[in-house]
C-alpha cells in the first residue's frame, strides 16, 4: 500500500524455473548411477548422461552447463572403463552425442540468460517510467493525512486506466482521483496527459472549477489529436485549506465520494457535471460551484474508482462498499485503505478493472 514516498523498487527479475526443474540434473545423474549399480550387465554405462547438459541448460547458466558437459563425458569414460567397454563403437557415439548435447545446451543457456537480462532491463525501464507517471501517495500533505491504494487489473503493469495525484499548493492541498475510458497503452497515455495537466495547473489556477475546466480542455485536445470523439475521463477534485473545517469537491462524472463520520457513512452529494473531455457538450453558462463538505478532525473523505464499487463476487453481486466500511467501524485512513486492499480481493478474487482509493482526514498533531 503506497502511503508514503518510497525509493524506486528494483524491477522484479524474470521468474526462475520451478524447484523441481532445478533438481532435474541431479535426479538424472542419480538415476544413471543407480541403474549402473543395480543392473550393471544390462545397462550401457552413462547413456542417460547424454541428456544432462541440455537438462542443465533449462535452469542454469552457460558456465555450469559447460561444466556439466565435461563432467558427463568424464563420468561416461570412467563407467565405460570400469565395464571394459571404453573403445566400443556405441560408446564412442555416446561420447560424441554428449559433446554435441553440451555444445547445444551451452548455447541454449547463454541465449536464455541473455534474454532474461534484456527482459530485466526492459522491466526496470518500464517500472521507472510508470512510477514517474503515478507517484506514491504522501503520508501527509498540507494539514491532511492521506492514505492511498492503487492496483492495476493487469498484475504485470503498474499503471492502468485509473489515476490519482496529491499536490500541496498555495491554494491548499489539491487532490485528483479519476478513471480514463479504455484500457491498455492508450489509457495509460491519457492518464499521463491528465496527470501532467493537473500538476502544471494545480499550482497556478485559483479556482477548483477552473482547474477542472483546464483538465477538461486537456482531455479534449488529446481526443482531437487521436481522432477519438469518445475519449473522456471521470474525475473528482478536492481542495483543502490548512486550518479549515471543510473541503471543496468538484465531481466530473465520477463515482460519488463517501464521508465517514465514525457512526455513519454517507455519500457526498455534488453537482452533476459531465466527465472531463465532454464538458463542451453541456451549457457553457451553467458551471457549478464546488461542493463544500464539513470535515472536522475524525471525519474522513473516501475517494474511489468503480474498480471498488463494481467489483463482483462469484454470483455477480457488486461489492457492498458502504456496509463493509460501516462494519469496520473506523475513520483512520491507513486502516480503511488496508482493509479495502484485502477485502475487495477476498470478495471478488482477481480484479476485472483497475482500482484506486484515497482516504483524506485532517491531521491532528
Protein backbone atom coordinates (compact mmCIF):
# COMPACT_ATOMS: atom_id res chain seq x y z
CA UNK A 1 0.00 0.00 0.00
CA UNK A 2 1.78 3.17 -1.15
CA UNK A 3 1.03 5.55 1.73
CA UNK A 4 4.39 7.29 1.84
CA UNK A 5 7.15 8.18 -0.60
CA UNK A 6 9.45 5.25 -1.16
CA UNK A 7 12.62 4.78 -3.16
CA UNK A 8 12.09 3.09 -6.52
CA UNK A 9 11.92 -0.67 -6.26
CA UNK A 10 14.15 -2.86 -8.28
CA UNK A 11 12.30 -4.43 -11.14
CA UNK A 12 11.06 -7.93 -10.48
CA UNK A 13 13.51 -10.31 -12.14
CA UNK A 14 12.24 -12.84 -14.66
CA UNK A 15 10.66 -15.85 -12.94
CA UNK A 16 13.06 -18.65 -12.11
CA UNK A 17 12.44 -22.21 -13.13
CA UNK A 18 10.38 -24.31 -10.70
CA UNK A 19 12.35 -26.02 -7.97
CA UNK A 20 11.76 -29.47 -9.42
CA UNK A 21 13.34 -28.32 -12.69
CA UNK A 22 16.41 -27.12 -10.76
CA UNK A 23 16.83 -30.61 -9.33
CA UNK A 24 16.43 -32.45 -12.65
CA UNK A 25 20.18 -32.66 -13.42
CA UNK A 26 20.83 -34.20 -10.01
CA UNK A 27 17.95 -36.64 -10.42
CA UNK A 28 19.18 -37.68 -13.86
CA UNK A 29 22.69 -38.24 -12.53
CA UNK A 30 21.42 -40.33 -9.61
CA UNK A 31 19.20 -42.43 -11.88
CA UNK A 32 22.14 -43.24 -14.11
CA UNK A 33 24.37 -44.23 -11.18
CA UNK A 34 21.61 -46.29 -9.54
CA UNK A 35 20.88 -48.13 -12.80
CA UNK A 36 24.60 -48.82 -13.23
CA UNK A 37 24.87 -50.20 -9.70
CA UNK A 38 21.69 -52.30 -9.71
CA UNK A 39 21.92 -53.87 -13.18
CA UNK A 40 25.49 -53.35 -14.36
CA UNK A 41 25.28 -56.02 -17.05
CA UNK A 42 22.05 -54.75 -18.61
CA UNK A 43 22.74 -51.03 -18.73
CA UNK A 44 25.20 -49.36 -21.05
CA UNK A 45 27.29 -47.17 -18.77
CA UNK A 46 26.47 -43.44 -18.75
CA UNK A 47 23.86 -43.44 -21.53
CA UNK A 48 21.44 -41.30 -19.52
CA UNK A 49 24.13 -38.66 -19.03
CA UNK A 50 23.86 -37.68 -22.71
CA UNK A 51 20.83 -35.51 -21.87
CA UNK A 52 22.41 -33.95 -18.75
CA UNK A 53 23.83 -30.79 -20.43
CA UNK A 54 20.51 -29.90 -22.07
CA UNK A 55 18.59 -30.50 -18.83
CA UNK A 56 21.09 -28.29 -17.00
CA UNK A 57 20.68 -25.53 -19.61
CA UNK A 58 16.99 -25.07 -18.70
CA UNK A 59 17.87 -23.90 -15.19
CA UNK A 60 21.50 -22.79 -15.03
CA UNK A 61 23.99 -20.57 -16.82
CA UNK A 62 26.38 -21.43 -19.66
CA UNK A 63 29.40 -21.95 -17.37
CA UNK A 64 27.63 -24.54 -15.26
CA UNK A 65 26.18 -26.15 -18.41
CA UNK A 66 29.66 -26.47 -19.93
CA UNK A 67 30.91 -27.88 -16.61
CA UNK A 68 28.06 -30.41 -16.63
CA UNK A 69 29.10 -31.40 -20.17
CA UNK A 70 32.67 -32.05 -19.12
CA UNK A 71 31.54 -33.91 -16.03
CA UNK A 72 29.16 -36.09 -18.05
CA UNK A 73 31.92 -37.03 -20.54
CA UNK A 74 34.35 -37.80 -17.76
CA UNK A 75 31.85 -39.94 -15.87
CA UNK A 76 30.86 -41.80 -19.03
CA UNK A 77 34.50 -42.62 -19.71
CA UNK A 78 35.05 -43.82 -16.13
CA UNK A 79 31.93 -46.01 -16.18
CA UNK A 80 32.86 -47.48 -19.58
CA UNK A 81 36.42 -48.07 -18.38
CA UNK A 82 35.07 -49.88 -15.33
CA UNK A 83 32.98 -52.14 -17.60
CA UNK A 84 35.83 -52.61 -20.08
CA UNK A 85 33.86 -51.05 -22.98
CA UNK A 86 35.68 -47.74 -23.36
CA UNK A 87 36.66 -48.25 -27.01
CA UNK A 88 33.49 -49.91 -28.26
CA UNK A 89 31.83 -48.11 -31.14
CA UNK A 90 28.47 -47.45 -29.47
CA UNK A 91 30.24 -45.82 -26.51
CA UNK A 92 32.24 -43.59 -28.85
CA UNK A 93 28.99 -42.41 -30.41
CA UNK A 94 27.61 -41.75 -26.91
CA UNK A 95 30.62 -39.51 -26.19
CA UNK A 96 30.05 -37.64 -29.44
CA UNK A 97 26.32 -37.25 -28.71
CA UNK A 98 27.10 -35.95 -25.22
CA UNK A 99 29.57 -33.44 -26.62
CA UNK A 100 27.03 -32.18 -29.16
CA UNK A 101 24.38 -32.03 -26.45
CA UNK A 102 26.79 -29.98 -24.34
CA UNK A 103 27.52 -27.52 -27.16
CA UNK A 104 23.82 -27.03 -27.89
CA UNK A 105 22.96 -26.86 -24.20
CA UNK A 106 25.63 -24.23 -23.51
CA UNK A 107 24.40 -22.13 -26.45
CA UNK A 108 20.81 -22.51 -25.24
CA UNK A 109 21.76 -21.48 -21.73
CA UNK A 110 23.69 -18.44 -22.99
CA UNK A 111 20.73 -17.32 -25.10
CA UNK A 112 18.27 -17.84 -22.24
CA UNK A 113 20.50 -15.88 -19.85
CA UNK A 114 20.82 -13.07 -22.39
CA UNK A 115 17.05 -12.87 -22.87
CA UNK A 116 16.49 -12.84 -19.11
CA UNK A 117 18.96 -9.96 -18.76
CA UNK A 118 17.28 -7.98 -21.53
CA UNK A 119 13.86 -8.65 -20.02
CA UNK A 120 15.05 -7.47 -16.60
CA UNK A 121 16.41 -4.27 -18.15
CA UNK A 122 13.16 -3.64 -20.01
CA UNK A 123 11.14 -4.21 -16.85
CA UNK A 124 13.38 -1.80 -14.92
CA UNK A 125 12.90 0.95 -17.50
CA UNK A 126 9.14 0.34 -17.70
CA UNK A 127 8.77 0.39 -13.93
CA UNK A 128 10.75 3.62 -13.63
CA UNK A 129 8.62 5.30 -16.29
CA UNK A 130 5.38 4.08 -14.73
CA UNK A 131 6.38 5.28 -11.27
CA UNK A 132 7.20 8.67 -12.78
CA UNK A 133 3.65 8.84 -14.12
CA UNK A 134 1.98 7.63 -10.92
CA UNK A 135 3.85 8.82 -7.84
CA UNK A 136 3.50 7.32 -4.36
CA UNK A 137 0.86 8.92 -2.14
CA UNK A 138 2.39 11.18 0.57
CA UNK A 139 1.52 10.25 4.14
CA UNK A 140 0.83 13.90 4.99
CA UNK A 141 0.14 16.95 2.82
CA UNK A 142 -0.75 20.48 3.94
CA UNK A 143 -2.75 19.58 7.04
CA UNK A 144 -4.21 16.34 5.70
CA UNK A 145 -3.38 12.76 6.49
CA UNK A 146 -3.59 10.71 3.32
CA UNK A 147 -3.61 7.01 2.54
CA UNK A 148 -3.87 5.52 -0.91
CA UNK A 149 -4.25 2.26 -2.75
CA UNK A 150 -3.68 1.54 -6.42
CA UNK A 151 -3.94 -1.78 -8.19
CA UNK A 152 -3.92 -2.43 -11.89
CA UNK A 153 -6.13 -5.20 -13.23
CA UNK A 154 -3.03 -6.48 -15.05
CA UNK A 155 -0.62 -7.71 -12.40
CA UNK A 156 2.49 -7.09 -14.50
CA UNK A 157 1.51 -3.45 -15.21
CA UNK A 158 1.89 -0.75 -12.55
CA UNK A 159 -0.26 1.89 -14.24
CA UNK A 160 -3.67 1.24 -15.74
CA UNK A 161 -6.60 3.49 -16.57
CA UNK A 162 -7.10 4.90 -13.05
CA UNK A 163 -5.18 7.91 -11.77
CA UNK A 164 -4.56 9.97 -8.66
CA UNK A 165 -2.40 12.86 -7.51
CA UNK A 166 -1.95 14.94 -4.35
CA UNK A 167 -0.40 18.42 -4.66
CA UNK A 168 0.33 20.85 -1.79
CA UNK A 169 -0.16 24.27 -3.40
CA UNK A 170 -0.52 27.89 -2.25
CA UNK A 171 -4.27 27.44 -2.62
CA UNK A 172 -4.25 24.44 -0.29
CA UNK A 173 -3.96 20.73 -0.82
CA UNK A 174 -5.44 19.70 -4.15
CA UNK A 175 -6.34 16.10 -4.84
CA UNK A 176 -7.31 14.40 -8.08
CA UNK A 177 -8.68 10.90 -8.50
CA UNK A 178 -10.08 9.68 -11.80
CA UNK A 179 -10.74 6.93 -14.29
CA UNK A 180 -9.97 7.08 -18.01
CA UNK A 181 -12.19 5.40 -20.57
CA UNK A 182 -10.50 2.44 -22.19
CA UNK A 183 -7.65 0.11 -21.32
CA UNK A 184 -4.11 -0.64 -22.38
CA UNK A 185 -1.43 1.77 -23.59
CA UNK A 186 -4.00 4.25 -24.91
CA UNK A 187 -5.49 4.65 -21.44
CA UNK A 188 -2.01 4.98 -19.89
CA UNK A 189 -1.24 7.80 -22.33
CA UNK A 190 -4.40 9.65 -21.31
CA UNK A 191 -3.56 9.08 -17.64
CA UNK A 192 -0.13 10.64 -18.20
CA UNK A 193 -1.66 13.61 -20.06
CA UNK A 194 -4.29 14.29 -17.38
CA UNK A 195 -1.77 14.00 -14.54
CA UNK A 196 0.66 16.28 -16.38
CA UNK A 197 -2.05 18.88 -16.93
CA UNK A 198 -3.13 18.67 -13.29
CA UNK A 199 0.40 19.00 -11.93
CA UNK A 200 1.03 22.04 -14.14
CA UNK A 201 -2.26 23.82 -13.44
CA UNK A 202 -2.85 22.96 -9.77
CA UNK A 203 -0.20 25.44 -8.59
CA UNK A 204 -1.38 28.43 -10.64
CA UNK A 205 -5.15 28.12 -11.07
CA UNK A 206 -7.05 29.85 -8.22
CA UNK A 207 -10.44 28.16 -8.55
CA UNK A 208 -11.20 24.44 -8.35
CA UNK A 209 -13.87 24.68 -11.06
CA UNK A 210 -11.41 26.50 -13.33
CA UNK A 211 -8.86 23.76 -12.65
CA UNK A 212 -11.40 21.12 -13.66
CA UNK A 213 -12.11 23.09 -16.84
CA UNK A 214 -8.42 23.09 -17.72
CA UNK A 215 -8.31 19.33 -17.33
CA UNK A 216 -11.45 19.09 -19.46
CA UNK A 217 -9.72 21.00 -22.25
CA UNK A 218 -6.60 18.85 -21.92
CA UNK A 219 -8.62 15.66 -22.45
CA UNK A 220 -10.48 17.29 -25.35
CA UNK A 221 -7.16 18.17 -27.03
CA UNK A 222 -5.94 14.62 -26.51
CA UNK A 223 -9.13 13.28 -28.08
CA UNK A 224 -8.74 15.60 -31.09
CA UNK A 225 -5.11 14.51 -31.61
CA UNK A 226 -6.16 10.86 -31.62
CA UNK A 227 -9.33 11.34 -33.59
CA UNK A 228 -11.30 9.71 -30.76
CA UNK A 229 -14.58 11.54 -30.19
CA UNK A 230 -15.50 9.18 -27.34
CA UNK A 231 -12.39 9.77 -25.22
CA UNK A 232 -13.20 11.04 -21.72
CA UNK A 233 -12.17 10.66 -18.09
CA UNK A 234 -14.29 10.79 -14.97
CA UNK A 235 -12.65 12.65 -12.10
CA UNK A 236 -13.23 14.08 -8.66
CA UNK A 237 -11.17 17.05 -7.44
CA UNK A 238 -10.79 18.01 -3.79
CA UNK A 239 -9.32 21.13 -2.20
CA UNK A 240 -8.45 21.57 1.48
CA UNK A 241 -7.06 24.72 3.03
CA UNK A 242 -4.96 24.16 6.18
CA UNK A 243 -6.91 25.04 9.31
CA UNK A 244 -10.25 24.84 7.52
CA UNK A 245 -13.10 22.69 8.80
CA UNK A 246 -14.31 21.74 5.33
CA UNK A 247 -13.18 20.56 1.92
CA UNK A 248 -14.34 21.66 -1.52
CA UNK A 249 -15.24 18.98 -4.05
CA UNK A 250 -15.88 19.09 -7.79
CA UNK A 251 -17.17 15.86 -9.32
CA UNK A 252 -16.89 15.43 -13.08
CA UNK A 253 -18.97 12.32 -13.71
CA UNK A 254 -17.08 10.18 -11.19
CA UNK A 255 -18.29 7.76 -8.51
CA UNK A 256 -19.75 9.58 -5.52
CA UNK A 257 -17.26 10.17 -2.67
CA UNK A 258 -18.16 8.91 0.78
CA UNK A 259 -17.99 10.84 4.05
CA UNK A 260 -17.16 8.72 7.10
CA UNK A 261 -18.05 10.36 10.40
CA UNK A 262 -17.48 7.48 12.79
CA UNK A 263 -21.03 6.31 13.31
CA UNK A 264 -22.34 6.93 9.80
CA UNK A 265 -21.24 6.69 6.18
CA UNK A 266 -22.97 8.99 3.73
CA UNK A 267 -22.48 9.83 0.05
CA UNK A 268 -21.33 13.35 -0.77
CA UNK A 269 -23.98 14.97 -2.93
CA UNK A 270 -22.25 17.04 -5.65
CA UNK A 271 -23.49 18.93 -8.70
CA UNK A 272 -23.99 16.63 -11.69
CA UNK A 273 -21.15 17.56 -14.06
CA UNK A 274 -20.04 15.97 -17.34
CA UNK A 275 -16.79 13.98 -17.41
CA UNK A 276 -13.52 15.56 -18.50
CA UNK A 277 -13.38 15.83 -22.27
CA UNK A 278 -17.16 16.13 -22.60
CA UNK A 279 -17.68 19.47 -20.86
CA UNK A 280 -18.26 21.25 -24.18
CA UNK A 281 -21.46 19.23 -24.58
CA UNK A 282 -23.09 20.93 -21.60
CA UNK A 283 -24.37 24.50 -21.20
CA UNK A 284 -21.39 26.87 -21.04
CA UNK A 285 -23.13 29.24 -18.60
CA UNK A 286 -24.12 26.63 -16.02
CA UNK A 287 -20.78 25.83 -14.43
CA UNK A 288 -21.46 24.72 -10.87
CA UNK A 289 -19.60 25.78 -7.77
CA UNK A 290 -17.53 23.42 -5.63
CA UNK A 291 -19.49 21.49 -3.04
CA UNK A 292 -18.36 22.38 0.49
CA UNK A 293 -18.28 19.39 2.84
CA UNK A 294 -17.64 19.74 6.58
CA UNK A 295 -14.51 17.83 7.54
CA UNK A 296 -13.65 18.28 11.22
CA UNK A 297 -10.98 16.09 12.85
CA UNK A 298 -12.06 12.45 12.98
CA UNK A 299 -14.03 12.66 9.74
CA UNK A 300 -12.69 11.14 6.52
CA UNK A 301 -13.48 11.63 2.85
CA UNK A 302 -13.07 8.47 0.78
CA UNK A 303 -12.47 8.75 -2.96
CA UNK A 304 -12.55 5.60 -5.06
CA UNK A 305 -12.95 4.35 -8.62
CA UNK A 306 -15.51 1.90 -9.93
CA UNK A 307 -12.92 -0.85 -9.64
CA UNK A 308 -14.04 -0.93 -5.99
CA UNK A 309 -17.77 -0.30 -6.22
CA UNK A 310 -18.26 -2.55 -9.27
CA UNK A 311 -16.12 -5.46 -8.13
CA UNK A 312 -18.28 -8.60 -8.28
CA UNK A 313 -18.29 -11.88 -6.41
CA UNK A 314 -18.90 -15.29 -7.98
CA UNK A 315 -22.67 -14.66 -8.09
CA UNK A 316 -22.27 -11.31 -9.88
CA UNK A 317 -23.20 -9.18 -6.84
CA UNK A 318 -21.44 -5.81 -6.53
CA UNK A 319 -19.06 -5.14 -3.66
CA UNK A 320 -21.11 -3.54 -0.80
CA UNK A 321 -18.66 -0.75 -0.05
CA UNK A 322 -20.61 1.32 2.49
CA UNK A 323 -21.87 -1.65 4.58
CA UNK A 324 -18.37 -3.17 4.69
CA UNK A 325 -16.84 0.10 5.87
CA UNK A 326 -19.63 0.61 8.40
CA UNK A 327 -18.90 -2.82 9.87
CA UNK A 328 -15.22 -1.92 10.11
CA UNK A 329 -16.06 0.98 12.44
CA UNK A 330 -13.09 3.31 11.88
CA UNK A 331 -12.26 6.52 10.04
CA UNK A 332 -8.49 6.08 10.16
CA UNK A 333 -7.21 6.42 6.56
CA UNK A 334 -4.50 3.78 6.91
CA UNK A 335 -6.88 1.21 8.35
CA UNK A 336 -9.55 1.95 5.75
CA UNK A 337 -7.16 1.51 2.85
CA UNK A 338 -5.54 -1.60 4.34
CA UNK A 339 -8.96 -3.13 4.86
CA UNK A 340 -10.08 -2.42 1.29
CA UNK A 341 -6.83 -3.78 -0.13
CA UNK A 342 -7.60 -7.17 1.39
CA UNK A 343 -11.39 -7.22 1.48
CA UNK A 344 -12.04 -6.36 -2.18
CA UNK A 345 -9.64 -9.11 -3.22
CA UNK A 346 -11.33 -11.63 -0.90
CA UNK A 347 -14.74 -10.65 -2.21
CA UNK A 348 -14.03 -10.54 -5.95
CA UNK A 349 -10.88 -12.59 -6.43
CA UNK A 350 -8.90 -11.43 -9.47
CA UNK A 351 -9.59 -7.83 -10.44
CA UNK A 352 -11.53 -7.24 -13.64
CA UNK A 353 -10.84 -3.49 -13.55
CA UNK A 354 -8.22 -1.10 -12.19
CA UNK A 355 -8.71 0.07 -8.64
CA UNK A 356 -7.75 3.33 -6.91
CA UNK A 357 -8.62 4.64 -3.43
CA UNK A 358 -7.69 7.79 -1.49
CA UNK A 359 -8.69 8.47 2.12
CA UNK A 360 -8.31 12.03 3.46
CA UNK A 361 -8.69 13.30 7.02
CA UNK A 362 -7.48 16.43 8.89
CA UNK A 363 -4.11 15.92 10.53
CA UNK A 364 -4.31 16.47 14.28
CA UNK A 365 -0.79 16.99 15.64
